Amino acid sequence: MAISFDKALGLAQHTVGIRSQRAELIASNIINADTPHYKARDLDFATAMRNAKSSMNTSMSRTHEKHFNINASSNDGTSFRIPNQPDTGDGNTVDVQVERNMYMQNALEYQSSLQFLGGKFKGLKLAIKGA
């Protein structure tokens, strides 16, 4: 009997990828802190998880390359961040201290997602091997 990882892991498998994508966006913001007219971006975790959940519940699939891809999302949760500091004249909206704090918080949440997913795999391994 085959194990369905989608059923066994649920949404937990998507959290690691979403946290990783958010880390890339925040790192990009930090890197471009001195780039004129760069706008800080962020990923809305709730929207990204809703998109992941809706793609899991969709049982339809494309059978021809000209069919619409119903699993493709037009809103991936990425948006520009509203600046909380006045414009310094160069149009850049990155606040490095805020970005560092968000990066550290995201890193902790990423680590906890990995630990939760590891627990799921441990449970599957125990179920396969037995007690």
Protein backbone atom coordinates (compact mmCIF):
# COMPACT_ATOMS: atom_id res chain seq x y z
CA MET A 1 0.00 0.00 0.00
CA ALA A 2 1.42 3.36 -1.06
CA ILE A 3 1.73 6.21 1.42
CA SER A 4 0.19 9.50 0.32
CA PHE A 5 2.47 12.19 1.70
CA ASP A 6 -0.12 14.84 0.89
CA LYS A 7 -2.58 13.14 3.22
CA ALA A 8 -0.01 12.18 5.85
CA LEU A 9 1.72 15.57 6.08
CA GLY A 10 -1.16 17.87 5.24
CA LEU A 11 -0.25 21.53 5.06
CA ALA A 12 2.88 21.05 7.17
CA GLN A 13 4.91 20.26 4.06
CA HIS A 14 4.10 23.66 2.55
CA THR A 15 5.09 25.75 5.57
CA VAL A 16 8.81 25.07 5.10
CA GLY A 17 8.71 26.22 1.48
CA ILE A 18 6.73 29.34 2.30
CA ARG A 19 9.09 30.25 5.15
CA SER A 20 12.05 29.70 2.83
CA GLN A 21 10.52 31.95 0.18
CA ARG A 22 9.88 34.64 2.79
CA ALA A 23 13.49 34.42 3.97
CA GLU A 24 14.63 35.03 0.38
CA LEU A 25 12.40 38.11 0.08
CA ILE A 26 13.59 39.58 3.37
CA ALA A 27 17.23 38.88 2.48
CA SER A 28 16.65 40.62 -0.85
CA ASN A 29 15.29 43.63 1.03
CA ILE A 30 18.39 43.76 3.24
CA ILE A 31 20.71 43.45 0.25
CA ASN A 32 18.93 46.30 -1.55
CA ALA A 33 18.81 48.64 1.46
CA ASP A 34 21.03 51.17 -0.35
CA THR A 35 19.44 50.80 -3.80
CA PRO A 36 17.55 53.97 -4.80
CA HIS A 37 13.80 53.53 -5.39
CA TYR A 38 13.83 49.92 -4.14
CA LYS A 39 10.55 48.99 -2.47
CA ALA A 40 10.64 46.47 0.38
CA ARG A 41 8.54 43.36 -0.25
CA ASP A 42 7.14 40.72 2.05
CA LEU A 43 5.17 37.52 1.85
CA ASP A 44 1.82 37.22 3.59
CA PHE A 45 2.02 33.79 5.23
CA ALA A 46 -1.77 33.44 5.62
CA THR A 47 -2.42 34.11 1.92
CA ALA A 48 0.33 31.73 0.85
CA MET A 49 -1.08 28.99 3.10
CA ARG A 50 -4.60 29.57 1.75
CA ASN A 51 -3.20 29.17 -1.78
CA ALA A 52 -1.40 25.97 -0.76
CA LYS A 53 -4.55 24.61 0.85
CA SER A 54 -6.68 25.40 -2.19
CA SER A 55 -4.16 23.73 -4.49
CA MET A 56 -4.26 20.61 -2.29
CA ASN A 57 -8.06 20.40 -2.43
CA THR A 58 -8.20 20.69 -6.21
CA SER A 59 -8.68 17.31 -7.79
CA MET A 60 -8.72 18.54 -11.39
CA SER A 61 -5.66 18.31 -13.57
CA ARG A 62 -4.56 19.53 -16.96
CA THR A 63 -4.84 16.91 -19.68
CA HIS A 64 -3.78 19.17 -22.54
CA GLU A 65 -1.20 21.99 -22.69
CA LYS A 66 -3.85 24.48 -23.92
CA HIS A 67 -6.04 23.97 -20.86
CA PHE A 68 -5.99 26.60 -18.14
CA ASN A 69 -3.84 25.78 -15.13
CA ILE A 70 -6.36 25.93 -12.31
CA ASN A 71 -3.65 25.38 -9.70
CA ALA A 72 -1.80 28.54 -10.70
CA SER A 73 -2.44 31.37 -8.29
CA SER A 74 -2.52 34.98 -9.38
CA ASN A 75 -1.87 36.16 -5.82
CA ASP A 76 1.06 34.37 -4.23
CA GLY A 77 0.96 36.54 -1.12
CA THR A 78 3.88 38.76 -2.13
CA SER A 79 3.26 42.46 -1.65
CA PHE A 80 5.10 45.69 -1.04
CA ARG A 81 5.59 46.60 2.58
CA ILE A 82 4.17 49.85 3.89
CA PRO A 83 7.14 51.91 5.12
CA ASN A 84 7.19 52.99 8.75
CA GLN A 85 9.88 55.61 8.30
CA PRO A 86 9.83 58.88 6.36
CA ASP A 87 11.29 58.93 2.87
CA THR A 88 14.99 59.73 2.93
CA GLY A 89 14.86 61.25 -0.55
CA ASP A 90 15.98 58.23 -2.56
CA GLY A 91 12.59 56.43 -2.60
CA ASN A 92 13.90 53.35 -0.79
CA THR A 93 11.45 51.85 1.73
CA VAL A 94 13.80 49.36 3.42
CA ASP A 95 14.40 49.73 7.16
CA VAL A 96 17.35 47.43 7.84
CA GLN A 97 16.61 47.01 11.56
CA VAL A 98 13.01 45.97 10.88
CA GLU A 99 14.18 43.60 8.13
CA ARG A 100 16.74 41.96 10.43
CA ASN A 101 14.12 41.44 13.12
CA MET A 102 11.68 39.96 10.61
CA TYR A 103 14.42 37.72 9.23
CA MET A 104 15.23 36.37 12.70
CA GLN A 105 11.54 35.81 13.50
CA ASN A 106 11.08 34.01 10.18
CA ALA A 107 14.18 31.89 10.88
CA LEU A 108 12.70 30.77 14.22
CA GLU A 109 9.37 29.97 12.57
CA TYR A 110 11.20 28.08 9.80
CA GLN A 111 13.04 26.03 12.42
CA SER A 112 9.82 25.21 14.26
CA SER A 113 8.18 24.18 10.96
CA LEU A 114 11.11 21.84 10.30
CA GLN A 115 10.81 20.32 13.76
CA PHE A 116 7.06 19.82 13.33
CA LEU A 117 7.60 18.20 9.93
CA GLY A 118 10.34 16.02 11.43
CA GLY A 119 7.86 14.85 14.06
CA LYS A 120 5.40 13.92 11.33
CA PHE A 121 8.08 11.85 9.58
CA LYS A 122 9.04 10.24 12.86
CA GLY A 123 5.41 9.22 13.35
CA LEU A 124 5.25 7.77 9.83
CA LYS A 125 8.47 5.87 10.41
CA LEU A 126 7.11 4.45 13.65
CA ALA A 127 3.89 3.43 11.90
CA ILE A 128 5.83 1.64 9.17
CA LYS A 129 8.28 -0.14 11.47
CA GLY A 130 5.87 -0.82 14.29
CA ALA A 131 6.60 -0.55 17.98
